């Protein structure tokens, strides 16, 4: 009886871990394009600052 409970809790932890992994993967697909664009914009602004000395103002 005791081994059955141990196996059950192991399965519950495995299910919880798999749900968390799926959530992290889904969040990365949702946020990567926005973060990538923000990093590119920041890099472009830094390149403009270093080459011209002017701060680009929107």
N, C-alpha and C. Protein backbone atom coordinates (compact mmCIF):
# COMPACT_ATOMS: atom_id res chain seq x y z
N UNK A 1 0.82 -1.19 0.00
CA UNK A 1 0.00 0.00 0.00
C UNK A 1 0.86 1.25 0.00
N UNK A 2 1.95 1.24 0.73
CA UNK A 2 2.80 2.41 0.82
C UNK A 2 3.51 2.70 -0.51
N UNK A 3 3.94 1.65 -1.21
CA UNK A 3 4.61 1.86 -2.49
C UNK A 3 3.65 2.46 -3.51
N UNK A 4 2.39 2.13 -3.42
CA UNK A 4 1.39 2.68 -4.34
C UNK A 4 1.29 4.19 -4.16
N UNK A 5 1.33 4.67 -2.93
CA UNK A 5 1.25 6.11 -2.67
C UNK A 5 2.50 6.82 -3.18
N UNK A 6 3.66 6.20 -3.01
CA UNK A 6 4.89 6.81 -3.49
C UNK A 6 4.85 6.95 -5.01
N UNK A 7 4.39 5.94 -5.69
CA UNK A 7 4.27 5.99 -7.14
C UNK A 7 3.26 7.03 -7.58
N UNK A 8 2.20 7.16 -6.84
CA UNK A 8 1.17 8.13 -7.18
C UNK A 8 1.73 9.55 -7.05
N UNK A 9 2.46 9.83 -5.99
CA UNK A 9 3.00 11.18 -5.83
C UNK A 9 4.06 11.46 -6.90
N UNK A 10 4.79 10.44 -7.31
CA UNK A 10 5.78 10.62 -8.38
C UNK A 10 5.09 10.99 -9.68
N UNK A 11 4.01 10.35 -9.98
CA UNK A 11 3.24 10.66 -11.19
C UNK A 11 2.68 12.07 -11.11
N UNK A 12 2.20 12.46 -9.95
CA UNK A 12 1.66 13.82 -9.79
C UNK A 12 2.75 14.86 -10.01
N UNK A 13 3.95 14.63 -9.47
CA UNK A 13 5.06 15.57 -9.69
C UNK A 13 5.46 15.60 -11.16
N UNK A 14 5.47 14.46 -11.82
CA UNK A 14 5.82 14.42 -13.24
C UNK A 14 4.80 15.19 -14.07
N UNK A 15 3.53 15.05 -13.74
CA UNK A 15 2.49 15.80 -14.45
C UNK A 15 2.63 17.30 -14.21
N UNK A 16 2.89 17.68 -12.98
CA UNK A 16 3.09 19.10 -12.66
C UNK A 16 4.28 19.66 -13.42
N UNK A 17 5.38 18.92 -13.45
CA UNK A 17 6.56 19.36 -14.16
C UNK A 17 6.29 19.49 -15.66
N UNK A 18 5.56 18.56 -16.23
CA UNK A 18 5.26 18.64 -17.66
C UNK A 18 4.37 19.83 -17.98
N UNK A 19 3.43 20.16 -17.11
CA UNK A 19 2.58 21.33 -17.31
C UNK A 19 3.43 22.60 -17.25
N UNK A 20 4.37 22.66 -16.32
CA UNK A 20 5.25 23.82 -16.22
C UNK A 20 6.14 23.97 -17.44
N UNK A 21 6.64 22.87 -17.95
CA UNK A 21 7.49 22.92 -19.15
C UNK A 21 6.68 23.43 -20.34
N UNK A 22 5.46 22.93 -20.50
CA UNK A 22 4.61 23.39 -21.59
C UNK A 22 4.32 24.88 -21.45
N UNK A 23 4.08 25.35 -20.23
CA UNK A 23 3.80 26.78 -20.01
C UNK A 23 5.02 27.63 -20.34
N UNK A 24 6.22 27.19 -19.98
CA UNK A 24 7.43 27.95 -20.28
C UNK A 24 7.67 28.00 -21.79
N UNK A 25 7.47 26.90 -22.47
CA UNK A 25 7.65 26.88 -23.92
C UNK A 25 6.63 27.79 -24.60
N UNK A 26 5.39 27.74 -24.17
CA UNK A 26 4.35 28.60 -24.75
C UNK A 26 4.67 30.07 -24.49
N UNK A 27 5.13 30.40 -23.31
CA UNK A 27 5.47 31.79 -22.99
C UNK A 27 6.66 32.25 -23.82
N UNK A 28 7.62 31.38 -24.05
CA UNK A 28 8.77 31.78 -24.86
C UNK A 28 8.35 32.07 -26.29
N UNK A 29 7.44 31.28 -26.85
CA UNK A 29 6.95 31.56 -28.19
C UNK A 29 6.16 32.86 -28.22
N UNK A 30 5.48 33.21 -27.14
CA UNK A 30 4.68 34.42 -27.11
C UNK A 30 5.54 35.67 -26.93
N UNK A 31 6.61 35.60 -26.13
CA UNK A 31 7.38 36.79 -25.79
C UNK A 31 8.66 36.99 -26.59
N UNK A 32 9.16 35.97 -27.24
CA UNK A 32 10.44 36.09 -27.95
C UNK A 32 10.39 37.15 -29.05
N UNK A 33 9.36 37.22 -29.88
CA UNK A 33 9.36 38.25 -30.92
C UNK A 33 9.41 39.67 -30.35
N UNK A 34 8.69 39.95 -29.30
CA UNK A 34 8.70 41.28 -28.70
C UNK A 34 10.03 41.62 -28.08
N UNK A 35 10.63 40.67 -27.38
CA UNK A 35 11.92 40.90 -26.76
C UNK A 35 13.00 41.07 -27.84
N UNK A 36 12.91 40.27 -28.87
CA UNK A 36 13.88 40.36 -29.96
C UNK A 36 13.81 41.73 -30.64
N UNK A 37 12.60 42.23 -30.87
CA UNK A 37 12.44 43.54 -31.49
C UNK A 37 12.98 44.64 -30.57
N UNK A 38 12.71 44.54 -29.28
CA UNK A 38 13.19 45.54 -28.34
C UNK A 38 14.72 45.55 -28.30
N UNK A 39 15.34 44.39 -28.32
CA UNK A 39 16.80 44.33 -28.31
C UNK A 39 17.39 44.90 -29.60
N UNK A 40 16.74 44.63 -30.73
CA UNK A 40 17.22 45.18 -32.00
C UNK A 40 17.09 46.70 -32.00
N UNK A 41 15.97 47.21 -31.51
CA UNK A 41 15.78 48.66 -31.43
C UNK A 41 16.82 49.31 -30.52
N UNK A 42 17.12 48.67 -29.40
CA UNK A 42 18.13 49.20 -28.49
C UNK A 42 19.51 49.18 -29.15
N UNK A 43 19.81 48.14 -29.86
CA UNK A 43 21.09 48.06 -30.57
C UNK A 43 21.21 49.12 -31.65
N UNK A 44 20.11 49.34 -32.38
CA UNK A 44 20.12 50.37 -33.41
C UNK A 44 20.31 51.76 -32.80
N UNK A 45 19.66 52.00 -31.67
CA UNK A 45 19.82 53.29 -30.99
C UNK A 45 21.25 53.49 -30.51
N UNK A 46 21.86 52.44 -29.99
CA UNK A 46 23.24 52.54 -29.54
C UNK A 46 24.17 52.77 -30.72
N UNK A 47 23.92 52.11 -31.86
CA UNK A 47 24.75 52.30 -33.04
C UNK A 47 24.64 53.74 -33.53
N UNK A 48 23.44 54.29 -33.52
CA UNK A 48 23.25 55.69 -33.93
C UNK A 48 24.00 56.62 -32.98
N UNK A 49 23.92 56.37 -31.71
CA UNK A 49 24.61 57.20 -30.73
C UNK A 49 26.11 57.16 -30.93
N UNK A 50 26.66 55.97 -31.15
CA UNK A 50 28.11 55.85 -31.29
C UNK A 50 28.62 56.42 -32.62
N UNK A 51 27.84 56.30 -33.68
CA UNK A 51 28.32 56.77 -34.98
C UNK A 51 28.12 58.26 -35.18
N UNK A 52 26.99 58.80 -34.73
CA UNK A 52 26.70 60.21 -34.98
C UNK A 52 26.87 61.08 -33.75
N UNK A 53 26.78 60.51 -32.59
CA UNK A 53 26.85 61.29 -31.37
C UNK A 53 25.54 61.89 -30.98
N UNK A 54 24.52 61.72 -31.81
CA UNK A 54 23.19 62.25 -31.52
C UNK A 54 22.31 61.17 -30.94
N UNK A 55 21.51 61.55 -29.99
CA UNK A 55 20.53 60.63 -29.43
C UNK A 55 19.29 60.70 -30.29
N UNK A 56 18.89 59.57 -30.83
CA UNK A 56 17.71 59.54 -31.70
C UNK A 56 16.46 59.73 -30.85
N UNK A 57 15.67 60.70 -31.21
CA UNK A 57 14.43 60.96 -30.48
C UNK A 57 13.26 60.60 -31.36
N UNK A 58 12.33 59.84 -30.82
CA UNK A 58 11.16 59.45 -31.65
C UNK A 58 10.25 60.62 -31.95
